[in-house]
C-alpha atoms as a PDB file:
ATOM      1  CA  MET A   1      64.576 116.470 136.560  1.00  0.00           C
ATOM      2  CA  THR A   2      67.879 114.653 136.854  1.00  0.00           C
ATOM      3  CA  LEU A   3      70.747 115.042 139.229  1.00  0.00           C
ATOM      4  CA  ALA A   4      73.253 112.926 137.355  1.00  0.00           C
ATOM      5  CA  ASN A   5      72.221 112.521 133.693  1.00  0.00           C
ATOM      6  CA  PRO A   6      72.895 108.776 133.716  1.00  0.00           C
ATOM      7  CA  LYS A   7      74.039 107.279 130.428  1.00  0.00           C
ATOM      8  CA  VAL A   8      71.809 104.702 128.751  1.00  0.00           C
ATOM      9  CA  VAL A   9      72.987 102.821 125.662  1.00  0.00           C
ATOM     10  CA  LEU A  10      70.447 101.582 123.126  1.00  0.00           C
ATOM     11  CA  TRP A  11      71.873  98.790 120.989  1.00  0.00           C
ATOM     12  CA  ARG A  12      69.814  99.564 117.883  1.00  0.00           C
ATOM     13  CA  PRO A  13      66.972 102.106 117.896  1.00  0.00           C
ATOM     14  CA  MET A  14      63.853 101.361 119.915  1.00  0.00           C
ATOM     15  CA  TYR A  15      60.816  99.996 118.073  1.00  0.00           C
ATOM     16  CA  ASP A  16      58.961 103.227 118.815  1.00  0.00           C
ATOM     17  CA  LEU A  17      61.375 106.130 118.375  1.00  0.00           C
ATOM     18  CA  ALA A  18      59.340 108.190 120.833  1.00  0.00           C
ATOM     19  CA  GLY A  19      61.123 106.170 123.505  1.00  0.00           C
ATOM     20  CA  HIS A  20      64.367 108.035 122.781  1.00  0.00           C
ATOM     21  CA  ASP A  21      62.735 111.371 123.594  1.00  0.00           C
ATOM     22  CA  MET A  22      61.004 109.909 126.646  1.00  0.00           C
ATOM     23  CA  LEU A  23      64.368 108.892 128.084  1.00  0.00           C
ATOM     24  CA  LYS A  24      65.954 112.239 127.238  1.00  0.00           C
ATOM     25  CA  ASP A  25      63.050 114.128 128.811  1.00  0.00           C
ATOM     26  CA  ALA A  26      63.557 112.078 131.974  1.00  0.00           C
ATOM     27  CA  GLY A  27      67.121 113.344 132.183  1.00  0.00           C
ATOM     28  CA  VAL A  28      68.923 110.442 130.550  1.00  0.00           C
ATOM     29  CA  ASP A  29      71.963 110.769 128.295  1.00  0.00           C
ATOM     30  CA  VAL A  30      70.921 108.488 125.407  1.00  0.00           C
ATOM     31  CA  VAL A  31      73.558 106.882 123.173  1.00  0.00           C
ATOM     32  CA  ILE A  32      72.356 104.823 120.184  1.00  0.00           C
ATOM     33  CA  VAL A  33      74.629 102.161 118.709  1.00  0.00           C
ATOM     34  CA  ASP A  34      73.031 101.271 115.379  1.00  0.00           C
ATOM     35  CA  THR A  35      75.480  98.595 114.246  1.00  0.00           C
ATOM     36  CA  PRO A  36      76.146  94.922 115.012  1.00  0.00           C
ATOM     37  CA  ASN A  37      79.787  95.832 115.702  1.00  0.00           C
ATOM     38  CA  VAL A  38      80.509  94.636 119.237  1.00  0.00           C
ATOM     39  CA  ASP A  39      83.661  96.736 119.561  1.00  0.00           C
ATOM     40  CA  GLU A  40      81.659  99.914 118.900  1.00  0.00           C
ATOM     41  CA  LEU A  41      79.131  98.839 121.508  1.00  0.00           C
ATOM     42  CA  LYS A  42      81.820  98.098 124.088  1.00  0.00           C
ATOM     43  CA  GLN A  43      83.293 101.552 123.533  1.00  0.00           C
ATOM     44  CA  ALA A  44      79.881 103.155 124.004  1.00  0.00           C
ATOM     45  CA  LEU A  45      79.325 101.260 127.261  1.00  0.00           C
ATOM     46  CA  HIS A  46      82.052 103.186 129.077  1.00  0.00           C
ATOM     47  CA  GLY A  47      80.259 104.887 131.968  1.00  0.00           C
ATOM     48  CA  ALA A  48      76.807 103.570 130.950  1.00  0.00           C
ATOM     49  CA  ARG A  49      74.373 102.628 133.719  1.00  0.00           C
ATOM     50  CA  ALA A  50      71.793 100.872 131.530  1.00  0.00           C
ATOM     51  CA  LEU A  51      71.701  98.941 128.256  1.00  0.00           C
ATOM     52  CA  TRP A  52      68.649  98.243 126.079  1.00  0.00           C
ATOM     53  CA  VAL A  53      69.201  95.586 123.408  1.00  0.00           C
ATOM     54  CA  ARG A  54      67.184  94.671 120.337  1.00  0.00           C
ATOM     55  CA  THR A  55      67.141  91.123 118.998  1.00  0.00           C
ATOM     56  CA  PRO A  56      69.136  89.604 117.309  1.00  0.00           C
ATOM     57  CA  GLU A  57      72.093  91.441 118.920  1.00  0.00           C
ATOM     58  CA  ARG A  58      73.606  89.359 121.716  1.00  0.00           C
ATOM     59  CA  VAL A  59      74.673  90.580 125.139  1.00  0.00           C
ATOM     60  CA  THR A  60      77.473  88.173 126.005  1.00  0.00           C
ATOM     61  CA  ALA A  61      79.739  87.990 129.037  1.00  0.00           C
ATOM     62  CA  GLU A  62      82.288  89.919 126.975  1.00  0.00           C
ATOM     63  CA  VAL A  63      79.814  92.748 126.422  1.00  0.00           C
ATOM     64  CA  LEU A  64      78.805  92.790 130.082  1.00  0.00           C
ATOM     65  CA  GLU A  65      82.445  92.888 131.156  1.00  0.00           C
ATOM     66  CA  ALA A  66      82.881  96.053 129.087  1.00  0.00           C
ATOM     67  CA  GLY A  67      79.977  97.701 130.913  1.00  0.00           C
ATOM     68  CA  LYS A  68      81.779  98.228 134.193  1.00  0.00           C
ATOM     69  CA  HIS A  69      79.037 100.513 135.547  1.00  0.00           C
ATOM     70  CA  LEU A  70      75.946  98.795 134.160  1.00  0.00           C
ATOM     71  CA  ALA A  71      73.165  98.403 136.698  1.00  0.00           C
ATOM     72  CA  VAL A  72      70.424  97.076 134.405  1.00  0.00           C
ATOM     73  CA  VAL A  73      69.992  95.461 130.988  1.00  0.00           C
ATOM     74  CA  SER A  74      66.606  95.535 129.254  1.00  0.00           C
ATOM     75  CA  THR A  75      65.484  93.229 126.474  1.00  0.00           C
ATOM     76  CA  SER A  76      63.431  94.644 123.616  1.00  0.00           C
ATOM     77  CA  GLY A  77      60.599  92.159 124.160  1.00  0.00           C
ATOM     78  CA  PHE A  78      59.803  88.973 126.037  1.00  0.00           C
ATOM     79  CA  GLY A  79      62.586  86.662 124.821  1.00  0.00           C
ATOM     80  CA  THR A  80      65.844  86.541 126.764  1.00  0.00           C
ATOM     81  CA  ASP A  81      67.882  84.008 124.797  1.00  0.00           C
ATOM     82  CA  ASN A  82      70.115  86.809 123.468  1.00  0.00           C
ATOM     83  CA  ILE A  83      71.314  87.831 126.953  1.00  0.00           C
ATOM     84  CA  ASP A  84      73.742  85.880 129.135  1.00  0.00           C
ATOM     85  CA  ILE A  85      71.689  86.149 132.317  1.00  0.00           C
ATOM     86  CA  PRO A  86      74.062  84.076 134.524  1.00  0.00           C
ATOM     87  CA  ALA A  87      76.932  86.375 133.498  1.00  0.00           C
ATOM     88  CA  ALA A  88      74.795  89.407 134.351  1.00  0.00           C
ATOM     89  CA  THR A  89      73.855  87.965 137.731  1.00  0.00           C
ATOM     90  CA  GLU A  90      77.495  87.205 138.484  1.00  0.00           C
ATOM     91  CA  ARG A  91      78.317  90.888 137.905  1.00  0.00           C
ATOM     92  CA  GLY A  92      75.396  92.247 139.914  1.00  0.00           C
ATOM     93  CA  ILE A  93      73.495  93.477 136.834  1.00  0.00           C
ATOM     94  CA  LEU A  94      69.705  93.213 136.824  1.00  0.00           C
ATOM     95  CA  VAL A  95      68.014  91.951 133.628  1.00  0.00           C
ATOM     96  CA  VAL A  96      64.409  92.837 132.751  1.00  0.00           C
ATOM     97  CA  ASN A  97      62.029  91.799 129.985  1.00  0.00           C
ATOM     98  CA  HIS A  98      58.517  92.782 128.923  1.00  0.00           C
ATOM     99  CA  LEU A  99      55.592  90.412 129.298  1.00  0.00           C
ATOM    100  CA  GLY A 100      52.397  90.098 127.334  1.00  0.00           C
ATOM    101  CA  PHE A 101      52.899  92.540 124.461  1.00  0.00           C
ATOM    102  CA  GLY A 102      53.280  89.833 121.778  1.00  0.00           C
ATOM    103  CA  ARG A 103      50.070  88.045 122.707  1.00  0.00           C
ATOM    104  CA  ILE A 104      47.750  89.772 120.228  1.00  0.00           C
ATOM    105  CA  PRO A 105      50.043  90.594 117.272  1.00  0.00           C
ATOM    106  CA  VAL A 106      51.887  87.263 117.148  1.00  0.00           C
ATOM    107  CA  SER A 107      48.703  85.213 117.482  1.00  0.00           C
ATOM    108  CA  GLU A 108      47.132  87.238 114.645  1.00  0.00           C
ATOM    109  CA  HIS A 109      50.258  86.861 112.512  1.00  0.00           C
ATOM    110  CA  SER A 110      50.313  83.112 113.132  1.00  0.00           C
ATOM    111  CA  ILE A 111      46.785  82.770 111.808  1.00  0.00           C
ATOM    112  CA  MET A 112      47.681  84.925 108.824  1.00  0.00           C
ATOM    113  CA  LEU A 113      50.570  82.583 107.965  1.00  0.00           C
ATOM    114  CA  ILE A 114      48.358  79.511 108.408  1.00  0.00           C
ATOM    115  CA  LEU A 115      45.785  80.934 106.009  1.00  0.00           C
ATOM    116  CA  ALA A 116      48.408  82.165 103.542  1.00  0.00           C
ATOM    117  CA  ALA A 117      49.876  78.668 103.420  1.00  0.00           C
ATOM    118  CA  ALA A 118      46.485  76.958 103.209  1.00  0.00           C
ATOM    119  CA  LYS A 119      45.294  79.219 100.388  1.00  0.00           C
ATOM    120  CA  ARG A 120      48.689  79.351  98.588  1.00  0.00           C
ATOM    121  CA  LEU A 121      48.689  83.123  98.755  1.00  0.00           C
ATOM    122  CA  VAL A 122      52.321  83.606  97.686  1.00  0.00           C
ATOM    123  CA  TRP A 123      51.836  81.479  94.563  1.00  0.00           C
ATOM    124  CA  GLY A 124      48.500  83.142  93.792  1.00  0.00           C
ATOM    125  CA  ASP A 125      49.864  86.674  94.020  1.00  0.00           C
ATOM    126  CA  LYS A 126      52.878  85.919  91.838  1.00  0.00           C
ATOM    127  CA  ALA A 127      50.906  83.877  89.306  1.00  0.00           C
ATOM    128  CA  TYR A 128      48.202  86.520  88.969  1.00  0.00           C
ATOM    129  CA  ARG A 129      50.826  89.158  88.247  1.00  0.00           C
ATOM    130  CA  ASP A 130      52.701  87.114  85.638  1.00  0.00           C
ATOM    131  CA  GLY A 131      49.513  85.805  84.002  1.00  0.00           C
ATOM    132  CA  SER A 132      50.100  82.100  84.689  1.00  0.00           C
ATOM    133  CA  ALA A 133      47.392  81.734  87.357  1.00  0.00           C
ATOM    134  CA  TRP A 134      44.452  81.138  85.053  1.00  0.00           C
ATOM    135  CA  THR A 135      45.785  77.893  83.605  1.00  0.00           C
ATOM    136  CA  GLN A 136      47.071  76.536  86.927  1.00  0.00           C
ATOM    137  CA  ARG A 137      44.574  77.542  89.592  1.00  0.00           C
ATOM    138  CA  SER A 138      42.468  74.381  89.354  1.00  0.00           C
ATOM    139  CA  GLY A 139      45.379  72.052  89.959  1.00  0.00           C
ATOM    140  CA  ASN A 140      46.269  73.361  93.409  1.00  0.00           C
ATOM    141  CA  LYS A 141      45.139  72.011  96.740  1.00  0.00           C
ATOM    142  CA  TYR A 142      43.687  74.729  98.943  1.00  0.00           C
ATOM    143  CA  PHE A 143      42.069  73.833 102.217  1.00  0.00           C
ATOM    144  CA  GLU A 144      39.889  75.325 104.928  1.00  0.00           C
ATOM    145  CA  LEU A 145      41.168  76.009 108.425  1.00  0.00           C
ATOM    146  CA  ASP A 146      37.707  75.612 109.909  1.00  0.00           C
ATOM    147  CA  GLY A 147      37.463  72.451 112.018  1.00  0.00           C
ATOM    148  CA  LYS A 148      41.076  71.361 111.519  1.00  0.00           C
ATOM    149  CA  THR A 149      43.260  69.940 114.305  1.00  0.00           C
ATOM    150  CA  VAL A 150      45.986  72.393 115.224  1.00  0.00           C
ATOM    151  CA  GLY A 151      48.930  71.512 117.446  1.00  0.00           C
ATOM    152  CA  ILE A 152      50.642  74.342 119.334  1.00  0.00           C
ATOM    153  CA  VAL A 153      54.098  74.036 120.882  1.00  0.00           C
ATOM    154  CA  GLY A 154      54.356  76.577 123.691  1.00  0.00           C
ATOM    155  CA  LEU A 155      51.274  77.613 125.664  1.00  0.00           C
ATOM    156  CA  GLY A 156      52.317  80.875 127.253  1.00  0.00           C
ATOM    157  CA  TYR A 157      50.851  84.303 126.520  1.00  0.00           C
ATOM    158  CA  ILE A 158      50.978  83.833 122.742  1.00  0.00           C
ATOM    159  CA  GLY A 159      50.137  80.145 122.492  1.00  0.00           C
ATOM    160  CA  SER A 160      47.108  80.441 124.743  1.00  0.00           C
ATOM    161  CA  GLU A 161      45.774  83.472 122.846  1.00  0.00           C
ATOM    162  CA  LEU A 162      46.308  81.668 119.536  1.00  0.00           C
ATOM    163  CA  ALA A 163      44.459  78.648 120.905  1.00  0.00           C
ATOM    164  CA  ARG A 164      41.510  80.841 121.911  1.00  0.00           C
ATOM    165  CA  LYS A 165      41.306  82.453 118.463  1.00  0.00           C
ATOM    166  CA  LEU A 166      41.500  79.092 116.679  1.00  0.00           C
ATOM    167  CA  LYS A 167      39.014  77.424 119.001  1.00  0.00           C
ATOM    168  CA  TYR A 168      36.325  80.069 118.893  1.00  0.00           C
ATOM    169  CA  GLY A 169      37.071  81.779 115.588  1.00  0.00           C
ATOM    170  CA  PHE A 170      37.677  78.718 113.407  1.00  0.00           C
ATOM    171  CA  ARG A 171      36.169  75.882 115.471  1.00  0.00           C
ATOM    172  CA  CYS A 172      39.515  74.077 115.473  1.00  0.00           C
ATOM    173  CA  ASN A 173      40.401  71.126 117.633  1.00  0.00           C
ATOM    174  CA  VAL A 174      43.361  72.644 119.498  1.00  0.00           C
ATOM    175  CA  LEU A 175      46.087  70.469 120.985  1.00  0.00           C
ATOM    176  CA  GLY A 176      49.033  71.745 122.964  1.00  0.00           C
ATOM    177  CA  TYR A 177      52.465  70.639 124.106  1.00  0.00           C
ATOM    178  CA  ASP A 178      54.278  72.511 126.869  1.00  0.00           C
ATOM    179  CA  PRO A 179      55.830  70.597 129.790  1.00  0.00           C
ATOM    180  CA  HIS A 180      55.988  73.801 131.845  1.00  0.00           C
ATOM    181  CA  VAL A 181      52.515  75.177 131.170  1.00  0.00           C
ATOM    182  CA  ASP A 182      50.362  76.665 133.913  1.00  0.00           C
ATOM    183  CA  PRO A 183      47.225  74.459 133.879  1.00  0.00           C
ATOM    184  CA  ARG A 184      45.073  77.531 134.561  1.00  0.00           C
ATOM    185  CA  ILE A 185      46.051  78.866 131.127  1.00  0.00           C
ATOM    186  CA  THR A 186      45.089  75.702 129.278  1.00  0.00           C
ATOM    187  CA  ASN A 187      41.773  75.523 131.122  1.00  0.00           C
ATOM    188  CA  LEU A 188      40.910  79.081 130.129  1.00  0.00           C
ATOM    189  CA  ALA A 189      41.986  78.520 126.514  1.00  0.00           C
ATOM    190  CA  ASP A 190      40.220  75.136 126.344  1.00  0.00           C
ATOM    191  CA  VAL A 191      43.276  73.328 124.969  1.00  0.00           C
ATOM    192  CA  THR A 192      43.790  69.575 125.074  1.00  0.00           C
ATOM    193  CA  VAL A 193      47.306  69.231 126.478  1.00  0.00           C
ATOM    194  CA  LYS A 194      49.427  66.313 125.325  1.00  0.00           C
ATOM    195  CA  SER A 195      52.233  65.106 127.561  1.00  0.00           C
ATOM    196  CA  ASP A 196      53.980  63.444 124.601  1.00  0.00           C
ATOM    197  CA  LEU A 197      55.125  65.629 121.713  1.00  0.00           C
ATOM    198  CA  PHE A 198      54.914  62.859 119.123  1.00  0.00           C
ATOM    199  CA  GLU A 199      51.361  62.007 120.151  1.00  0.00           C
ATOM    200  CA  MET A 200      50.375  65.596 119.445  1.00  0.00           C
ATOM    201  CA  LEU A 201      52.307  65.770 116.176  1.00  0.00           C
ATOM    202  CA  ALA A 202      50.605  62.644 114.825  1.00  0.00           C
ATOM    203  CA  GLU A 203      47.224  64.418 115.024  1.00  0.00           C
ATOM    204  CA  SER A 204      48.261  67.935 113.965  1.00  0.00           C
ATOM    205  CA  GLU A 205      47.098  68.961 110.507  1.00  0.00           C
ATOM    206  CA  VAL A 206      48.605  72.345 111.332  1.00  0.00           C
ATOM    207  CA  LEU A 207      51.616  72.768 113.616  1.00  0.00           C
ATOM    208  CA  VAL A 208      52.402  76.168 115.142  1.00  0.00           C
ATOM    209  CA  LEU A 209      55.638  76.805 117.033  1.00  0.00           C
ATOM    210  CA  VAL A 210      55.606  79.588 119.650  1.00  0.00           C
ATOM    211  CA  PRO A 211      57.866  78.382 122.483  1.00  0.00           C
ATOM    212  CA  GLU A 212      60.658  80.243 124.199  1.00  0.00           C
ATOM    213  CA  LEU A 213      64.132  79.283 122.996  1.00  0.00           C
ATOM    214  CA  THR A 214      65.820  77.157 125.643  1.00  0.00           C
ATOM    215  CA  ASP A 215      68.201  74.203 125.647  1.00  0.00           C
ATOM    216  CA  GLU A 216      65.072  72.055 125.702  1.00  0.00           C
ATOM    217  CA  THR A 217      63.432  73.637 122.662  1.00  0.00           C
ATOM    218  CA  ARG A 218      66.468  74.303 120.479  1.00  0.00           C
ATOM    219  CA  ASN A 219      66.158  72.135 117.324  1.00  0.00           C
ATOM    220  CA  MET A 220      63.207  70.311 118.878  1.00  0.00           C
ATOM    221  CA  ILE A 221      61.444  69.982 115.508  1.00  0.00           C
ATOM    222  CA  GLY A 222      63.593  68.021 113.074  1.00  0.00           C
ATOM    223  CA  ALA A 223      63.177  65.301 110.455  1.00  0.00           C
ATOM    224  CA  LYS A 224      61.725  62.713 112.851  1.00  0.00           C
ATOM    225  CA  GLU A 225      59.179  65.160 114.263  1.00  0.00           C
ATOM    226  CA  LEU A 226      58.098  66.439 110.839  1.00  0.00           C
ATOM    227  CA  ALA A 227      57.706  62.885 109.573  1.00  0.00           C
ATOM    228  CA  THR A 228      55.246  62.248 112.408  1.00  0.00           C
ATOM    229  CA  LEU A 229      52.844  64.908 111.135  1.00  0.00           C
ATOM    230  CA  PRO A 230      49.948  63.794 108.912  1.00  0.00           C
ATOM    231  CA  PRO A 231      50.742  64.007 105.171  1.00  0.00           C
ATOM    232  CA  GLY A 232      50.186  67.492 103.798  1.00  0.00           C
ATOM    233  CA  ALA A 233      50.398  69.235 107.179  1.00  0.00           C
ATOM    234  CA  ILE A 234      51.229  72.937 107.443  1.00  0.00           C
ATOM    235  CA  VAL A 235      54.085  74.125 109.668  1.00  0.00           C
ATOM    236  CA  VAL A 236      54.189  77.674 111.042  1.00  0.00           C
ATOM    237  CA  ASN A 237      56.944  79.189 113.183  1.00  0.00           C
ATOM    238  CA  THR A 238      56.390  82.551 114.853  1.00  0.00           C
ATOM    239  CA  GLY A 239      58.387  81.733 117.994  1.00  0.00           C
ATOM    240  CA  ARG A 240      62.143  81.365 117.641  1.00  0.00           C
ATOM    241  CA  GLY A 241      63.996  80.329 114.487  1.00  0.00           C
ATOM    242  CA  ALA A 242      66.333  77.848 116.138  1.00  0.00           C
ATOM    243  CA  VAL A 243      63.399  75.689 117.284  1.00  0.00           C
ATOM    244  CA  LEU A 244      62.931  74.354 113.730  1.00  0.00           C
ATOM    245  CA  ASP A 245      65.564  72.519 111.655  1.00  0.00           C
ATOM    246  CA  LEU A 246      65.317  74.186 108.246  1.00  0.00           C
ATOM    247  CA  ASP A 247      67.175  71.426 106.394  1.00  0.00           C
ATOM    248  CA  ALA A 248      64.623  68.944 107.715  1.00  0.00           C
ATOM    249  CA  LEU A 249      61.801  71.272 106.724  1.00  0.00           C
ATOM    250  CA  ILE A 250      63.120  71.587 103.157  1.00  0.00           C
ATOM    251  CA  GLY A 251      63.318  67.806 102.886  1.00  0.00           C
ATOM    252  CA  ALA A 252      59.751  67.406 104.162  1.00  0.00           C
ATOM    253  CA  LEU A 253      58.477  70.089 101.760  1.00  0.00           C
ATOM    254  CA  ASP A 254      60.285  68.609  98.768  1.00  0.00           C
ATOM    255  CA  SER A 255      58.916  65.148  99.524  1.00  0.00           C
ATOM    256  CA  GLY A 256      55.417  66.560  99.847  1.00  0.00           C
ATOM    257  CA  HIS A 257      54.955  65.241 103.371  1.00  0.00           C
ATOM    258  CA  VAL A 258      54.712  68.812 104.640  1.00  0.00           C
ATOM    259  CA  GLY A 259      52.305  70.633 102.353  1.00  0.00           C
ATOM    260  CA  ALA A 260      53.359  74.198 103.114  1.00  0.00           C
ATOM    261  CA  ALA A 261      55.075  76.363 105.703  1.00  0.00           C
ATOM    262  CA  GLY A 262      54.790  79.883 107.083  1.00  0.00           C
ATOM    263  CA  LEU A 263      57.876  81.326 108.749  1.00  0.00           C
ATOM    264  CA  ASP A 264      58.277  84.650 110.520  1.00  0.00           C
ATOM    265  CA  VAL A 265      61.471  83.481 112.233  1.00  0.00           C
ATOM    266  CA  VAL A 266      64.347  81.375 110.914  1.00  0.00           C
ATOM    267  CA  TYR A 267      67.861  80.438 111.917  1.00  0.00           C
ATOM    268  CA  PRO A 268      70.160  81.866 110.732  1.00  0.00           C
ATOM    269  CA  GLU A 269      68.465  85.220 110.323  1.00  0.00           C
ATOM    270  CA  PRO A 270      68.370  86.565 107.701  1.00  0.00           C
ATOM    271  CA  LEU A 271      68.722  83.591 105.371  1.00  0.00           C
ATOM    272  CA  PRO A 272      71.605  83.675 102.875  1.00  0.00           C
ATOM    273  CA  ASP A 273      70.604  84.774  99.366  1.00  0.00           C
ATOM    274  CA  ASP A 274      70.981  81.269  97.915  1.00  0.00           C
ATOM    275  CA  HIS A 275      68.929  79.474 100.575  1.00  0.00           C
ATOM    276  CA  PRO A 276      66.408  77.078  98.958  1.00  0.00           C
ATOM    277  CA  LEU A 277      63.523  78.267 101.132  1.00  0.00           C
ATOM    278  CA  LEU A 278      63.633  81.648  99.401  1.00  0.00           C
ATOM    279  CA  ALA A 279      62.666  80.096  96.074  1.00  0.00           C
ATOM    280  CA  HIS A 280      60.157  77.583  97.443  1.00  0.00           C
ATOM    281  CA  GLU A 281      56.571  78.313  96.361  1.00  0.00           C
ATOM    282  CA  GLY A 282      55.238  76.338  99.313  1.00  0.00           C
ATOM    283  CA  VAL A 283      56.754  78.719 101.836  1.00  0.00           C
ATOM    284  CA  THR A 284      55.370  82.039 103.042  1.00  0.00           C
ATOM    285  CA  LEU A 285      58.012  84.227 104.676  1.00  0.00           C
ATOM    286  CA  SER A 286      57.849  87.392 106.752  1.00  0.00           C
ATOM    287  CA  PRO A 287      60.938  89.174 108.162  1.00  0.00           C
ATOM    288  CA  HIS A 288      60.471  88.650 111.925  1.00  0.00           C
ATOM    289  CA  ILE A 289      57.697  91.232 112.157  1.00  0.00           C
ATOM    290  CA  ALA A 290      54.924  89.246 113.882  1.00  0.00           C
ATOM    291  CA  GLY A 291      55.184  91.241 117.086  1.00  0.00           C
ATOM    292  CA  GLY A 292      56.041  94.555 115.464  1.00  0.00           C
ATOM    293  CA  THR A 293      52.652  96.252 115.306  1.00  0.00           C
ATOM    294  CA  VAL A 294      52.278  99.936 116.160  1.00  0.00           C
ATOM    295  CA  GLU A 295      50.384  99.015 119.303  1.00  0.00           C
ATOM    296  CA  ALA A 296      52.903  96.432 120.525  1.00  0.00           C
ATOM    297  CA  SER A 297      55.892  98.626 119.683  1.00  0.00           C
ATOM    298  CA  SER A 298      54.443 101.491 121.685  1.00  0.00           C
ATOM    299  CA  GLY A 299      53.701  99.235 124.645  1.00  0.00           C
ATOM    300  CA  LEU A 300      57.136  97.629 124.605  1.00  0.00           C
ATOM    301  CA  THR A 301      58.853 100.996 124.446  1.00  0.00           C
ATOM    302  CA  GLN A 302      56.787 102.381 127.312  1.00  0.00           C
ATOM    303  CA  SER A 303      57.574  99.287 129.393  1.00  0.00           C
ATOM    304  CA  ALA A 304      61.303  99.608 128.678  1.00  0.00           C
ATOM    305  CA  PHE A 305      61.254 103.296 129.566  1.00  0.00           C
ATOM    306  CA  GLU A 306      59.447 102.642 132.845  1.00  0.00           C
ATOM    307  CA  GLN A 307      61.645  99.725 133.881  1.00  0.00           C
ATOM    308  CA  ILE A 308      64.943 101.399 132.998  1.00  0.00           C
ATOM    309  CA  THR A 309      64.081 104.639 134.794  1.00  0.00           C
ATOM    310  CA  THR A 310      62.742 102.718 137.792  1.00  0.00           C
ATOM    311  CA  ALA A 311      66.011 100.789 138.000  1.00  0.00           C
ATOM    312  CA  LEU A 312      68.046 103.989 137.752  1.00  0.00           C
ATOM    313  CA  LYS A 313      66.154 105.247 140.810  1.00  0.00           C
ATOM    314  CA  GLY A 314      67.437 102.212 142.688  1.00  0.00           C
ATOM    315  CA  GLU A 315      64.029 100.531 142.773  1.00  0.00           C
ATOM    316  CA  PHE A 316      63.078  97.073 141.492  1.00  0.00           C
ATOM    317  CA  PRO A 317      61.374  97.279 138.067  1.00  0.00           C
ATOM    318  CA  LYS A 318      58.182  95.418 137.249  1.00  0.00           C
ATOM    319  CA  PHE A 319      59.672  92.347 135.554  1.00  0.00           C
ATOM    320  CA  PRO A 320      63.121  91.471 136.954  1.00  0.00           C
ATOM    321  CA  LEU A 321      64.466  88.141 135.734  1.00  0.00           C
ATOM    322  CA  ASN A 322      67.343  87.764 138.189  1.00  0.00           C
ATOM    323  CA  ARG A 323      66.527  89.487 141.485  1.00  0.00           C
ATOM    324  CA  LEU A 324      69.532  87.759 143.009  1.00  0.00           C
ATOM    325  CA  ALA A 325      71.790  90.099 141.022  1.00  0.00           C
ATOM    326  CA  TRP A 326      70.663  93.016 143.178  1.00  0.00           C
ATOM    327  CA  GLU A 327      70.505  90.983 146.373  1.00  0.00           C
ATOM    328  CA  SER A 328      74.105  89.727 146.302  1.00  0.00           C
ATOM    329  CA  ASP A 329      77.233  91.420 147.615  1.00  0.00           C
ATOM    330  CA  LYS A 330      78.156  92.225 143.980  1.00  0.00           C
ATOM    331  CA  SER A 331      74.940  94.171 143.413  1.00  0.00           C
ATOM    332  CA  ARG A 332      75.185  97.260 141.220  1.00  0.00           C
ATOM    333  CA  ARG A 333      71.811  98.519 142.373  1.00  0.00           C
ATOM    334  CA  PRO A 334      72.100 102.318 142.547  1.00  0.00           C
ATOM    335  CA  GLU A 335      72.408 103.381 146.155  1.00  0.00           C
ATOM    336  CA  ASP A 336      71.281 106.919 145.335  1.00  0.00           C
ATOM    337  CA  THR A 337      68.643 107.728 142.751  1.00  0.00           C
ATOM    338  CA  LEU A 338      70.190 108.631 139.413  1.00  0.00           C
ATOM    339  CA  LEU A 339      67.018 110.330 138.206  1.00  0.00           C
END
């Protein structure tokens, strides 16, 4: 058991609540901050050695400064855009994330949104229930995914798995855009990589966005990019909301140039109650749940547990993002095991 009962703060509950008991059983003093209130979090961080954070809460330099004894910060998934990693490195705090757990659920969810948009599922469900479907169903344009050209932005774990499913499950012609892609991934997934985004967009009857959020990808799909798509194209975003300009998307939907959209992520999140996308019949929405399956949640929680407890023992966890933090003279790497 433990010698020190180190304090670990969870900013929002873990996806799998079993993780709370796992940490407690390992000898950790678990404190859950289930509010977006930064002042409450900062108060809870007094004496804490580790912080786990769930998107969309943001770990800023201000938050890190309040955690005077933090040794490690864990994301809730793969994305790290909600953590100021340079500020953590400057303070000697290690940051970890969790690779590969979104590959299956997000690729499946992406295909679900493509099909829902192509078959006008939202309209069909509502119209069946209110009785209007039977006089309108022949006037709609539904289309088949089989054999279509699909463009994917972002060819990491998720994008490559999505490409494989589309290629071999739906016989799609799969194109990809990712300036930083590992060519071994694209070879395995049998994707035709385009070095020019607009060249890919011009051929994409379906566009799926699954990149990381970086300065390079923020707002990368706007009015000009959407206008480059073939008329009637479908746009799906299961990556990060800020990659897609929603005002531009609304304009493209209203003009008919974009035929439909499927969005699991948006920016801002959640949308305000009066946002026009909420009333748009051409849009299928899900509340940022693409990666939230039982299987993925369990895996992510286990990974967080293992990496946090490993760090508290003074050892490098499996997926450190800023090793330099623990290799500098400001390192907060525990000198004696805390567990």
